[in-house]
Amino acid sequence: MLIVQKFGGSSLASLERLRRAAGICLEAVRRGHRLVVVVSAAGDSTDELLELARQIDPQPPARELDALMATGEQRSAALMAIMLSSLGAEAQSFSGWQAGIYTSALHGQARIGLVSPQRLTEALEEGRIAVVAGFQGLSPQGDITTLGRGGSDTSAVALAAALGAGRCEIYTDVAGIYTADPRLVTGAKLLKEIDFRDMLLLAQAGSQVLHPDSVRLAMASGMELRLLSSFERGPGSVVRFLEEERRPAYAGVTRDAERSVVTAVGRAAGRRTLAELADLLEKAGVAVLDRSAEEGCVSCKVAPEQLLPALELVHSALIG
């Protein structure tokens, strides 16, 4: 079976972590799978490149910024291929455009329009592991483009769909998808599975587990996603279409720190939920500055200093 594995920046932040990620790749190969590996820029290197550019020009040209930002993933891809080779595997690195990822011309927020992974197919047929720099592609004008923060998820799903992969695995620094960020919320629960619709709403509302575009692509192609930890063994979480009765009333709670908004997602979320949450927050001394409801999703805007207490309160009330 062909598997696409994606490793985030925290999974590649040191040579030790890179070696650990390579070991996960080799386990899949030893089980007889063909493998495409998609990598993000290691650690905080994307932020460092952005800061370097802004030291020169506070508003650098978008085209040149994309050319710069794409180098972080290219570095990761080459290092991963070198690491795999040092461990006895045949591996070859590819930039996004070498992998056949073609995008719109919107620098910094490009959208994938076409994937033509001929070179990856050739590498796989020759028994090599294909290691692809995520987050990037090529515009109709022949320029390097980037897909926005978290865009390596989108690269992985797009390649998995184009190659007809049997599975797409996303490796991060957490054990899977939780009902809330476990680093912020006491009692956040690991989900064995979550419906595409709920995952998309959470991603759009500020959850950084998956890029919204990656979820949309997976929904369109029916490609199940498995979220796993790079650092500990476990079943992870599966993102797939669920029958309505298997969807929980409330799948999760997240926050958008920039907008100071708490959002709850699930099949039962609606105007009644919104009214109950607003009342709960007000009684706890958290002023609700604005509110909104749509199918499966309710949001409350609060003061920035009350955002984390509000997140904890909403999670406790809806999920426990």
C-alpha atoms as a PDB file:
ATOM      1  CA  MET A   1       0.000   0.000   0.000  1.00  0.00           C
ATOM      2  CA  LEU A   2       1.118   3.552  -0.691  1.00  0.00           C
ATOM      3  CA  ILE A   3       1.186   5.793   2.399  1.00  0.00           C
ATOM      4  CA  VAL A   4       1.746   9.535   2.642  1.00  0.00           C
ATOM      5  CA  GLN A   5       3.282  10.650   5.938  1.00  0.00           C
ATOM      6  CA  LYS A   6       3.580  14.318   6.908  1.00  0.00           C
ATOM      7  CA  PHE A   7       5.872  15.567   9.675  1.00  0.00           C
ATOM      8  CA  GLY A   8       5.402  18.981  11.271  1.00  0.00           C
ATOM      9  CA  GLY A   9       8.133  21.374  12.287  1.00  0.00           C
ATOM     10  CA  SER A  10       8.275  20.271  15.935  1.00  0.00           C
ATOM     11  CA  SER A  11       8.921  16.703  14.744  1.00  0.00           C
ATOM     12  CA  LEU A  12      12.026  17.865  12.871  1.00  0.00           C
ATOM     13  CA  ALA A  13      13.403  20.507  15.239  1.00  0.00           C
ATOM     14  CA  SER A  14      16.679  18.681  15.997  1.00  0.00           C
ATOM     15  CA  LEU A  15      18.785  15.899  14.488  1.00  0.00           C
ATOM     16  CA  GLU A  16      17.524  13.572  17.212  1.00  0.00           C
ATOM     17  CA  ARG A  17      13.917  14.332  16.281  1.00  0.00           C
ATOM     18  CA  LEU A  18      14.713  14.036  12.586  1.00  0.00           C
ATOM     19  CA  ARG A  19      16.195  10.589  13.240  1.00  0.00           C
ATOM     20  CA  ARG A  20      13.095   9.595  15.204  1.00  0.00           C
ATOM     21  CA  ALA A  21      10.839  10.712  12.323  1.00  0.00           C
ATOM     22  CA  ALA A  22      12.997   8.800   9.846  1.00  0.00           C
ATOM     23  CA  GLY A  23      12.590   5.713  12.031  1.00  0.00           C
ATOM     24  CA  ILE A  24       8.793   6.026  11.744  1.00  0.00           C
ATOM     25  CA  CYS A  25       9.184   6.172   7.966  1.00  0.00           C
ATOM     26  CA  LEU A  26      11.387   3.071   7.919  1.00  0.00           C
ATOM     27  CA  GLU A  27       8.859   1.131  10.019  1.00  0.00           C
ATOM     28  CA  ALA A  28       6.291   1.683   7.262  1.00  0.00           C
ATOM     29  CA  VAL A  29       8.771   0.542   4.615  1.00  0.00           C
ATOM     30  CA  ARG A  30       9.628  -2.594   6.614  1.00  0.00           C
ATOM     31  CA  ARG A  31       5.905  -3.421   6.664  1.00  0.00           C
ATOM     32  CA  GLY A  32       6.012  -3.438   2.878  1.00  0.00           C
ATOM     33  CA  HIS A  33       4.513  -0.014   2.151  1.00  0.00           C
ATOM     34  CA  ARG A  34       5.625   2.440  -0.498  1.00  0.00           C
ATOM     35  CA  LEU A  35       6.137   5.843   1.025  1.00  0.00           C
ATOM     36  CA  VAL A  36       5.884   9.558   0.269  1.00  0.00           C
ATOM     37  CA  VAL A  37       7.045  11.817   3.096  1.00  0.00           C
ATOM     38  CA  VAL A  38       5.975  15.479   3.268  1.00  0.00           C
ATOM     39  CA  VAL A  39       7.908  17.770   5.604  1.00  0.00           C
ATOM     40  CA  SER A  40       7.447  21.192   7.145  1.00  0.00           C
ATOM     41  CA  ALA A  41      10.233  23.621   7.983  1.00  0.00           C
ATOM     42  CA  ALA A  42      12.030  22.543  11.153  1.00  0.00           C
ATOM     43  CA  GLY A  43      11.215  24.209  14.459  1.00  0.00           C
ATOM     44  CA  ASP A  44      10.845  27.985  14.256  1.00  0.00           C
ATOM     45  CA  SER A  45      12.815  28.395  11.031  1.00  0.00           C
ATOM     46  CA  THR A  46       9.858  29.896   9.124  1.00  0.00           C
ATOM     47  CA  ASP A  47       9.471  32.621  11.753  1.00  0.00           C
ATOM     48  CA  GLU A  48      13.219  33.225  11.674  1.00  0.00           C
ATOM     49  CA  LEU A  49      13.223  33.650   7.895  1.00  0.00           C
ATOM     50  CA  LEU A  50      10.270  36.035   8.092  1.00  0.00           C
ATOM     51  CA  GLU A  51      11.972  38.107  10.787  1.00  0.00           C
ATOM     52  CA  LEU A  52      15.182  38.245   8.752  1.00  0.00           C
ATOM     53  CA  ALA A  53      13.301  39.551   5.717  1.00  0.00           C
ATOM     54  CA  ARG A  54      11.466  42.165   7.804  1.00  0.00           C
ATOM     55  CA  GLN A  55      14.737  43.417   9.262  1.00  0.00           C
ATOM     56  CA  ILE A  56      15.627  44.428   5.719  1.00  0.00           C
ATOM     57  CA  ASP A  57      12.178  45.615   4.641  1.00  0.00           C
ATOM     58  CA  PRO A  58       9.106  45.728   6.938  1.00  0.00           C
ATOM     59  CA  GLN A  59       6.968  44.885   3.890  1.00  0.00           C
ATOM     60  CA  PRO A  60       9.107  42.675   1.636  1.00  0.00           C
ATOM     61  CA  PRO A  61       7.857  41.918  -1.907  1.00  0.00           C
ATOM     62  CA  ALA A  62       5.449  38.978  -1.752  1.00  0.00           C
ATOM     63  CA  ARG A  63       7.157  37.102  -4.586  1.00  0.00           C
ATOM     64  CA  GLU A  64      10.574  37.292  -2.927  1.00  0.00           C
ATOM     65  CA  LEU A  65       9.143  36.427   0.469  1.00  0.00           C
ATOM     66  CA  ASP A  66       7.679  33.221  -0.959  1.00  0.00           C
ATOM     67  CA  ALA A  67      11.028  32.358  -2.548  1.00  0.00           C
ATOM     68  CA  LEU A  68      12.661  32.812   0.858  1.00  0.00           C
ATOM     69  CA  MET A  69      10.020  31.066   2.963  1.00  0.00           C
ATOM     70  CA  ALA A  70      10.016  27.972   0.744  1.00  0.00           C
ATOM     71  CA  THR A  71      13.656  27.266   1.590  1.00  0.00           C
ATOM     72  CA  GLY A  72      12.772  26.076   5.105  1.00  0.00           C
ATOM     73  CA  GLU A  73      10.823  23.089   3.776  1.00  0.00           C
ATOM     74  CA  GLN A  74      13.418  22.386   1.092  1.00  0.00           C
ATOM     75  CA  ARG A  75      16.084  22.199   3.800  1.00  0.00           C
ATOM     76  CA  SER A  76      13.935  19.746   5.793  1.00  0.00           C
ATOM     77  CA  ALA A  77      13.298  17.579   2.716  1.00  0.00           C
ATOM     78  CA  ALA A  78      16.993  17.322   1.833  1.00  0.00           C
ATOM     79  CA  LEU A  79      17.964  16.560   5.440  1.00  0.00           C
ATOM     80  CA  MET A  80      15.263  13.904   5.740  1.00  0.00           C
ATOM     81  CA  ALA A  81      16.442  12.250   2.510  1.00  0.00           C
ATOM     82  CA  ILE A  82      20.033  12.318   3.791  1.00  0.00           C
ATOM     83  CA  MET A  83      18.945  10.848   7.135  1.00  0.00           C
ATOM     84  CA  LEU A  84      16.957   8.063   5.462  1.00  0.00           C
ATOM     85  CA  SER A  85      19.896   7.268   3.207  1.00  0.00           C
ATOM     86  CA  SER A  86      22.234   7.115   6.215  1.00  0.00           C
ATOM     87  CA  LEU A  87      19.899   4.548   7.753  1.00  0.00           C
ATOM     88  CA  GLY A  88      20.032   2.317   4.677  1.00  0.00           C
ATOM     89  CA  ALA A  89      16.989   3.426   2.686  1.00  0.00           C
ATOM     90  CA  GLU A  90      16.939   4.823  -0.828  1.00  0.00           C
ATOM     91  CA  ALA A  91      15.396   8.278  -0.695  1.00  0.00           C
ATOM     92  CA  GLN A  92      15.112  11.323  -2.951  1.00  0.00           C
ATOM     93  CA  SER A  93      14.012  14.836  -2.036  1.00  0.00           C
ATOM     94  CA  PHE A  94      11.730  17.024  -4.149  1.00  0.00           C
ATOM     95  CA  SER A  95      10.659  20.647  -3.943  1.00  0.00           C
ATOM     96  CA  GLY A  96       6.947  21.319  -4.274  1.00  0.00           C
ATOM     97  CA  TRP A  97       7.208  22.147  -7.956  1.00  0.00           C
ATOM     98  CA  GLN A  98       9.443  19.142  -8.664  1.00  0.00           C
ATOM     99  CA  ALA A  99       6.677  17.066  -7.079  1.00  0.00           C
ATOM    100  CA  GLY A 100       4.204  18.554  -9.567  1.00  0.00           C
ATOM    101  CA  ILE A 101       2.222  20.843  -7.261  1.00  0.00           C
ATOM    102  CA  TYR A 102       0.790  23.748  -9.276  1.00  0.00           C
ATOM    103  CA  THR A 103      -1.019  26.600  -7.582  1.00  0.00           C
ATOM    104  CA  SER A 104      -2.733  29.928  -8.080  1.00  0.00           C
ATOM    105  CA  ALA A 105      -0.593  33.055  -8.248  1.00  0.00           C
ATOM    106  CA  LEU A 106      -1.598  34.494  -4.856  1.00  0.00           C
ATOM    107  CA  HIS A 107       1.717  34.702  -3.003  1.00  0.00           C
ATOM    108  CA  GLY A 108       1.547  33.717   0.645  1.00  0.00           C
ATOM    109  CA  GLN A 109      -1.949  32.230   0.330  1.00  0.00           C
ATOM    110  CA  ALA A 110      -1.811  30.224  -2.911  1.00  0.00           C
ATOM    111  CA  ARG A 111      -4.337  27.454  -3.576  1.00  0.00           C
ATOM    112  CA  ILE A 112      -3.471  24.147  -5.186  1.00  0.00           C
ATOM    113  CA  GLY A 113      -5.044  23.845  -8.627  1.00  0.00           C
ATOM    114  CA  LEU A 114      -3.337  20.770 -10.076  1.00  0.00           C
ATOM    115  CA  VAL A 115      -1.099  17.969  -8.851  1.00  0.00           C
ATOM    116  CA  SER A 116       0.911  16.065 -11.462  1.00  0.00           C
ATOM    117  CA  PRO A 117       3.247  13.837  -9.434  1.00  0.00           C
ATOM    118  CA  GLN A 118       4.988  12.030 -12.300  1.00  0.00           C
ATOM    119  CA  ARG A 119       8.473  12.298 -10.785  1.00  0.00           C
ATOM    120  CA  LEU A 120       7.213  10.942  -7.477  1.00  0.00           C
ATOM    121  CA  THR A 121       5.590   8.002  -9.236  1.00  0.00           C
ATOM    122  CA  GLU A 122       8.880   7.249 -11.008  1.00  0.00           C
ATOM    123  CA  ALA A 123      10.817   7.389  -7.741  1.00  0.00           C
ATOM    124  CA  LEU A 124       8.318   5.065  -6.051  1.00  0.00           C
ATOM    125  CA  GLU A 125       8.449   2.603  -8.946  1.00  0.00           C
ATOM    126  CA  GLU A 126      12.233   2.536  -8.590  1.00  0.00           C
ATOM    127  CA  GLY A 127      11.921   1.637  -4.908  1.00  0.00           C
ATOM    128  CA  ARG A 128      12.813   5.005  -3.406  1.00  0.00           C
ATOM    129  CA  ILE A 129      11.133   6.977  -0.644  1.00  0.00           C
ATOM    130  CA  ALA A 130       9.981  10.313  -2.069  1.00  0.00           C
ATOM    131  CA  VAL A 131      10.513  13.185   0.356  1.00  0.00           C
ATOM    132  CA  VAL A 132       8.587  16.327  -0.586  1.00  0.00           C
ATOM    133  CA  ALA A 133       8.926  19.893   0.707  1.00  0.00           C
ATOM    134  CA  GLY A 134       5.454  20.880   1.838  1.00  0.00           C
ATOM    135  CA  PHE A 135       3.813  24.327   1.906  1.00  0.00           C
ATOM    136  CA  GLN A 136       4.819  25.261  -1.640  1.00  0.00           C
ATOM    137  CA  GLY A 137       4.134  24.982  -5.338  1.00  0.00           C
ATOM    138  CA  LEU A 138       4.518  26.738  -8.663  1.00  0.00           C
ATOM    139  CA  SER A 139       2.297  29.507 -10.054  1.00  0.00           C
ATOM    140  CA  PRO A 140       1.077  29.740 -13.685  1.00  0.00           C
ATOM    141  CA  GLN A 141       3.819  32.349 -14.158  1.00  0.00           C
ATOM    142  CA  GLY A 142       6.484  29.871 -13.056  1.00  0.00           C
ATOM    143  CA  ASP A 143       7.094  31.520  -9.665  1.00  0.00           C
ATOM    144  CA  ILE A 144       7.490  29.817  -6.301  1.00  0.00           C
ATOM    145  CA  THR A 145       4.357  30.137  -4.162  1.00  0.00           C
ATOM    146  CA  THR A 146       3.505  29.215  -0.585  1.00  0.00           C
ATOM    147  CA  LEU A 147       0.184  27.939   0.759  1.00  0.00           C
ATOM    148  CA  GLY A 148      -0.085  29.828   4.050  1.00  0.00           C
ATOM    149  CA  ARG A 149       0.770  28.683   7.558  1.00  0.00           C
ATOM    150  CA  GLY A 150       0.046  25.000   8.038  1.00  0.00           C
ATOM    151  CA  GLY A 151       0.081  24.494   4.274  1.00  0.00           C
ATOM    152  CA  SER A 152       2.204  21.335   4.481  1.00  0.00           C
ATOM    153  CA  ASP A 153      -0.945  19.515   5.654  1.00  0.00           C
ATOM    154  CA  THR A 154      -2.589  20.577   2.416  1.00  0.00           C
ATOM    155  CA  SER A 155       0.409  19.430   0.378  1.00  0.00           C
ATOM    156  CA  ALA A 156       0.222  15.997   2.008  1.00  0.00           C
ATOM    157  CA  VAL A 157      -3.506  15.518   1.411  1.00  0.00           C
ATOM    158  CA  ALA A 158      -3.291  16.777  -2.180  1.00  0.00           C
ATOM    159  CA  LEU A 159      -0.453  14.354  -2.951  1.00  0.00           C
ATOM    160  CA  ALA A 160      -2.237  11.465  -1.226  1.00  0.00           C
ATOM    161  CA  ALA A 161      -5.339  12.071  -3.338  1.00  0.00           C
ATOM    162  CA  ALA A 162      -3.390  12.491  -6.593  1.00  0.00           C
ATOM    163  CA  LEU A 163      -1.324   9.346  -5.993  1.00  0.00           C
ATOM    164  CA  GLY A 164      -4.292   7.257  -4.842  1.00  0.00           C
ATOM    165  CA  ALA A 165      -2.666   6.582  -1.467  1.00  0.00           C
ATOM    166  CA  GLY A 166      -4.282   4.142   0.901  1.00  0.00           C
ATOM    167  CA  ARG A 167      -3.647   6.331   3.909  1.00  0.00           C
ATOM    168  CA  CYS A 168      -2.517   9.840   4.844  1.00  0.00           C
ATOM    169  CA  GLU A 169      -0.832  10.164   8.249  1.00  0.00           C
ATOM    170  CA  ILE A 170      -0.120  13.523   9.906  1.00  0.00           C
ATOM    171  CA  TYR A 171       2.567  13.391  12.631  1.00  0.00           C
ATOM    172  CA  THR A 172       2.675  16.168  15.240  1.00  0.00           C
ATOM    173  CA  ASP A 173       3.797  16.777  18.837  1.00  0.00           C
ATOM    174  CA  VAL A 174       0.456  15.691  20.353  1.00  0.00           C
ATOM    175  CA  ALA A 175      -1.211  12.274  20.514  1.00  0.00           C
ATOM    176  CA  GLY A 176      -4.055  13.177  18.162  1.00  0.00           C
ATOM    177  CA  ILE A 177      -7.101  15.435  18.081  1.00  0.00           C
ATOM    178  CA  TYR A 178      -8.502  16.503  21.441  1.00  0.00           C
ATOM    179  CA  THR A 179     -11.791  18.074  22.451  1.00  0.00           C
ATOM    180  CA  ALA A 180      -9.683  21.178  23.224  1.00  0.00           C
ATOM    181  CA  ASP A 181      -6.011  22.058  23.291  1.00  0.00           C
ATOM    182  CA  PRO A 182      -4.704  19.844  26.147  1.00  0.00           C
ATOM    183  CA  ARG A 183      -2.003  22.415  26.872  1.00  0.00           C
ATOM    184  CA  LEU A 184      -4.688  24.973  27.716  1.00  0.00           C
ATOM    185  CA  VAL A 185      -7.724  23.076  28.970  1.00  0.00           C
ATOM    186  CA  THR A 186      -7.884  20.708  31.931  1.00  0.00           C
ATOM    187  CA  GLY A 187      -9.658  17.470  31.073  1.00  0.00           C
ATOM    188  CA  ALA A 188      -9.390  17.749  27.277  1.00  0.00           C
ATOM    189  CA  LYS A 189     -10.208  14.317  25.847  1.00  0.00           C
ATOM    190  CA  LEU A 190      -8.472  12.491  23.010  1.00  0.00           C
ATOM    191  CA  LEU A 191     -10.905  11.693  20.179  1.00  0.00           C
ATOM    192  CA  LYS A 192     -10.649   8.310  18.466  1.00  0.00           C
ATOM    193  CA  GLU A 193     -12.425   9.778  15.444  1.00  0.00           C
ATOM    194  CA  ILE A 194     -14.012  13.007  14.291  1.00  0.00           C
ATOM    195  CA  ASP A 195     -16.251  13.865  11.374  1.00  0.00           C
ATOM    196  CA  PHE A 196     -14.813  15.935   8.517  1.00  0.00           C
ATOM    197  CA  ARG A 197     -17.495  18.572   9.039  1.00  0.00           C
ATOM    198  CA  ASP A 198     -16.658  19.077  12.701  1.00  0.00           C
ATOM    199  CA  MET A 199     -12.916  19.111  11.991  1.00  0.00           C
ATOM    200  CA  LEU A 200     -13.358  21.740   9.287  1.00  0.00           C
ATOM    201  CA  LEU A 201     -15.380  23.999  11.577  1.00  0.00           C
ATOM    202  CA  LEU A 202     -12.752  23.657  14.329  1.00  0.00           C
ATOM    203  CA  ALA A 203      -9.933  24.397  11.875  1.00  0.00           C
ATOM    204  CA  GLN A 204     -11.730  27.477  10.559  1.00  0.00           C
ATOM    205  CA  ALA A 205     -12.357  28.681  14.123  1.00  0.00           C
ATOM    206  CA  GLY A 206      -8.708  28.667  15.156  1.00  0.00           C
ATOM    207  CA  SER A 207      -7.691  25.084  15.950  1.00  0.00           C
ATOM    208  CA  GLN A 208      -4.180  24.576  14.621  1.00  0.00           C
ATOM    209  CA  VAL A 209      -4.305  20.786  14.447  1.00  0.00           C
ATOM    210  CA  LEU A 210      -5.033  20.793  10.694  1.00  0.00           C
ATOM    211  CA  HIS A 211      -5.062  23.465   8.011  1.00  0.00           C
ATOM    212  CA  PRO A 212      -8.657  24.121   6.807  1.00  0.00           C
ATOM    213  CA  ASP A 213      -7.679  23.591   3.164  1.00  0.00           C
ATOM    214  CA  SER A 214      -6.294  20.142   3.999  1.00  0.00           C
ATOM    215  CA  VAL A 215      -9.634  19.161   5.544  1.00  0.00           C
ATOM    216  CA  ARG A 216     -11.554  20.480   2.529  1.00  0.00           C
ATOM    217  CA  LEU A 217      -9.331  18.478   0.169  1.00  0.00           C
ATOM    218  CA  ALA A 218      -9.710  15.341   2.270  1.00  0.00           C
ATOM    219  CA  MET A 219     -13.503  15.765   2.301  1.00  0.00           C
ATOM    220  CA  ALA A 220     -13.624  16.239  -1.461  1.00  0.00           C
ATOM    221  CA  SER A 221     -11.502  13.159  -2.128  1.00  0.00           C
ATOM    222  CA  GLY A 222     -12.807  11.003   0.741  1.00  0.00           C
ATOM    223  CA  MET A 223      -9.220  10.603   1.980  1.00  0.00           C
ATOM    224  CA  GLU A 224      -9.237   9.575   5.638  1.00  0.00           C
ATOM    225  CA  LEU A 225      -6.634  11.337   7.762  1.00  0.00           C
ATOM    226  CA  ARG A 226      -4.900   9.868  10.795  1.00  0.00           C
ATOM    227  CA  LEU A 227      -3.342  12.239  13.331  1.00  0.00           C
ATOM    228  CA  LEU A 228      -0.473  10.669  15.285  1.00  0.00           C
ATOM    229  CA  SER A 229       2.327  11.658  17.642  1.00  0.00           C
ATOM    230  CA  SER A 230       5.946  11.622  16.489  1.00  0.00           C
ATOM    231  CA  PHE A 231       7.067  11.083  20.079  1.00  0.00           C
ATOM    232  CA  GLU A 232       4.888   8.330  21.519  1.00  0.00           C
ATOM    233  CA  ARG A 233       3.100   5.307  20.155  1.00  0.00           C
ATOM    234  CA  GLY A 234      -0.669   5.348  20.156  1.00  0.00           C
ATOM    235  CA  PRO A 235      -3.756   4.950  17.979  1.00  0.00           C
ATOM    236  CA  GLY A 236      -4.073   8.669  17.257  1.00  0.00           C
ATOM    237  CA  SER A 237      -7.268  10.125  15.824  1.00  0.00           C
ATOM    238  CA  VAL A 238      -9.001   9.480  12.512  1.00  0.00           C
ATOM    239  CA  VAL A 239     -10.770  12.192  10.512  1.00  0.00           C
ATOM    240  CA  ARG A 240     -13.467  10.679   8.295  1.00  0.00           C
ATOM    241  CA  PHE A 241     -17.143  10.917   7.384  1.00  0.00           C
ATOM    242  CA  LEU A 242     -19.229   9.637  10.289  1.00  0.00           C
ATOM    243  CA  GLU A 243     -22.842   8.567  10.285  1.00  0.00           C
ATOM    244  CA  GLU A 244     -24.942  11.194  12.017  1.00  0.00           C
ATOM    245  CA  GLU A 245     -25.680   9.064  15.075  1.00  0.00           C
ATOM    246  CA  ARG A 246     -21.933   8.526  15.625  1.00  0.00           C
ATOM    247  CA  ARG A 247     -21.149  12.232  15.691  1.00  0.00           C
ATOM    248  CA  PRO A 248     -20.987  13.534  19.282  1.00  0.00           C
ATOM    249  CA  ALA A 249     -23.317  16.326  20.297  1.00  0.00           C
ATOM    250  CA  TYR A 250     -20.222  18.480  20.830  1.00  0.00           C
ATOM    251  CA  ALA A 251     -16.960  17.462  19.166  1.00  0.00           C
ATOM    252  CA  GLY A 252     -14.691  20.176  20.466  1.00  0.00           C
ATOM    253  CA  VAL A 253     -14.008  23.676  21.672  1.00  0.00           C
ATOM    254  CA  THR A 254     -11.319  25.991  20.346  1.00  0.00           C
ATOM    255  CA  ARG A 255     -10.255  29.605  20.469  1.00  0.00           C
ATOM    256  CA  ASP A 256      -8.993  32.265  18.093  1.00  0.00           C
ATOM    257  CA  ALA A 257      -6.519  34.301  20.141  1.00  0.00           C
ATOM    258  CA  GLU A 258      -6.271  37.059  17.547  1.00  0.00           C
ATOM    259  CA  ARG A 259     -10.030  37.712  17.552  1.00  0.00           C
ATOM    260  CA  SER A 260     -10.508  36.685  21.206  1.00  0.00           C
ATOM    261  CA  VAL A 261     -13.312  34.277  20.271  1.00  0.00           C
ATOM    262  CA  VAL A 262     -14.275  30.913  21.815  1.00  0.00           C
ATOM    263  CA  THR A 263     -16.035  28.460  19.496  1.00  0.00           C
ATOM    264  CA  ALA A 264     -17.877  25.205  20.203  1.00  0.00           C
ATOM    265  CA  VAL A 265     -18.519  22.715  17.406  1.00  0.00           C
ATOM    266  CA  GLY A 266     -20.835  19.723  17.079  1.00  0.00           C
ATOM    267  CA  ARG A 267     -24.106  18.498  15.581  1.00  0.00           C
ATOM    268  CA  ALA A 268     -26.072  19.899  18.551  1.00  0.00           C
ATOM    269  CA  ALA A 269     -24.493  23.351  18.417  1.00  0.00           C
ATOM    270  CA  GLY A 270     -27.071  26.007  17.545  1.00  0.00           C
ATOM    271  CA  ARG A 271     -28.870  29.078  18.849  1.00  0.00           C
ATOM    272  CA  ARG A 272     -30.075  27.325  22.003  1.00  0.00           C
ATOM    273  CA  THR A 273     -26.498  26.315  22.812  1.00  0.00           C
ATOM    274  CA  LEU A 274     -25.335  29.859  22.166  1.00  0.00           C
ATOM    275  CA  ALA A 275     -27.895  31.318  24.562  1.00  0.00           C
ATOM    276  CA  GLU A 276     -26.944  28.800  27.265  1.00  0.00           C
ATOM    277  CA  LEU A 277     -23.232  29.504  26.861  1.00  0.00           C
ATOM    278  CA  ALA A 278     -23.700  33.273  26.914  1.00  0.00           C
ATOM    279  CA  ASP A 279     -25.721  32.948  30.124  1.00  0.00           C
ATOM    280  CA  LEU A 280     -23.095  30.644  31.647  1.00  0.00           C
ATOM    281  CA  LEU A 281     -20.266  33.048  30.844  1.00  0.00           C
ATOM    282  CA  GLU A 282     -22.127  36.113  32.084  1.00  0.00           C
ATOM    283  CA  LYS A 283     -22.922  34.397  35.407  1.00  0.00           C
ATOM    284  CA  ALA A 284     -19.224  33.521  35.778  1.00  0.00           C
ATOM    285  CA  GLY A 285     -18.267  37.165  35.288  1.00  0.00           C
ATOM    286  CA  VAL A 286     -17.099  36.784  31.689  1.00  0.00           C
ATOM    287  CA  ALA A 287     -18.691  39.516  29.555  1.00  0.00           C
ATOM    288  CA  VAL A 288     -19.823  38.330  26.109  1.00  0.00           C
ATOM    289  CA  LEU A 289     -18.994  41.147  23.702  1.00  0.00           C
ATOM    290  CA  ASP A 290     -20.450  39.508  20.605  1.00  0.00           C
ATOM    291  CA  ARG A 291     -21.927  36.174  19.594  1.00  0.00           C
ATOM    292  CA  SER A 292     -22.827  34.192  16.498  1.00  0.00           C
ATOM    293  CA  ALA A 293     -24.366  30.857  15.548  1.00  0.00           C
ATOM    294  CA  GLU A 294     -24.459  28.748  12.408  1.00  0.00           C
ATOM    295  CA  GLU A 295     -25.216  25.108  11.781  1.00  0.00           C
ATOM    296  CA  GLY A 296     -22.937  23.037  14.004  1.00  0.00           C
ATOM    297  CA  CYS A 297     -20.956  25.988  15.340  1.00  0.00           C
ATOM    298  CA  VAL A 298     -21.412  28.707  17.988  1.00  0.00           C
ATOM    299  CA  SER A 299     -18.973  31.477  18.967  1.00  0.00           C
ATOM    300  CA  CYS A 300     -18.620  34.033  21.762  1.00  0.00           C
ATOM    301  CA  LYS A 301     -16.281  37.009  21.711  1.00  0.00           C
ATOM    302  CA  VAL A 302     -14.817  37.977  25.089  1.00  0.00           C
ATOM    303  CA  ALA A 303     -12.127  40.291  26.421  1.00  0.00           C
ATOM    304  CA  PRO A 304      -8.606  38.956  25.647  1.00  0.00           C
ATOM    305  CA  GLU A 305      -7.747  38.534  29.341  1.00  0.00           C
ATOM    306  CA  GLN A 306     -10.855  36.346  29.785  1.00  0.00           C
ATOM    307  CA  LEU A 307     -10.323  34.168  26.722  1.00  0.00           C
ATOM    308  CA  LEU A 308      -8.680  31.182  28.459  1.00  0.00           C
ATOM    309  CA  PRO A 309     -11.133  31.130  31.404  1.00  0.00           C
ATOM    310  CA  ALA A 310     -13.982  31.253  28.875  1.00  0.00           C
ATOM    311  CA  LEU A 311     -12.451  28.375  26.925  1.00  0.00           C
ATOM    312  CA  GLU A 312     -12.231  26.272  30.098  1.00  0.00           C
ATOM    313  CA  LEU A 313     -15.811  27.120  31.109  1.00  0.00           C
ATOM    314  CA  VAL A 314     -17.306  26.285  27.705  1.00  0.00           C
ATOM    315  CA  HIS A 315     -15.403  23.004  27.478  1.00  0.00           C
ATOM    316  CA  SER A 316     -16.479  21.982  30.978  1.00  0.00           C
ATOM    317  CA  ALA A 317     -20.114  22.815  30.296  1.00  0.00           C
ATOM    318  CA  LEU A 318     -20.408  21.031  26.943  1.00  0.00           C
ATOM    319  CA  ILE A 319     -17.908  18.185  27.134  1.00  0.00           C
ATOM    320  CA  GLY A 320     -17.047  17.781  30.828  1.00  0.00           C
END
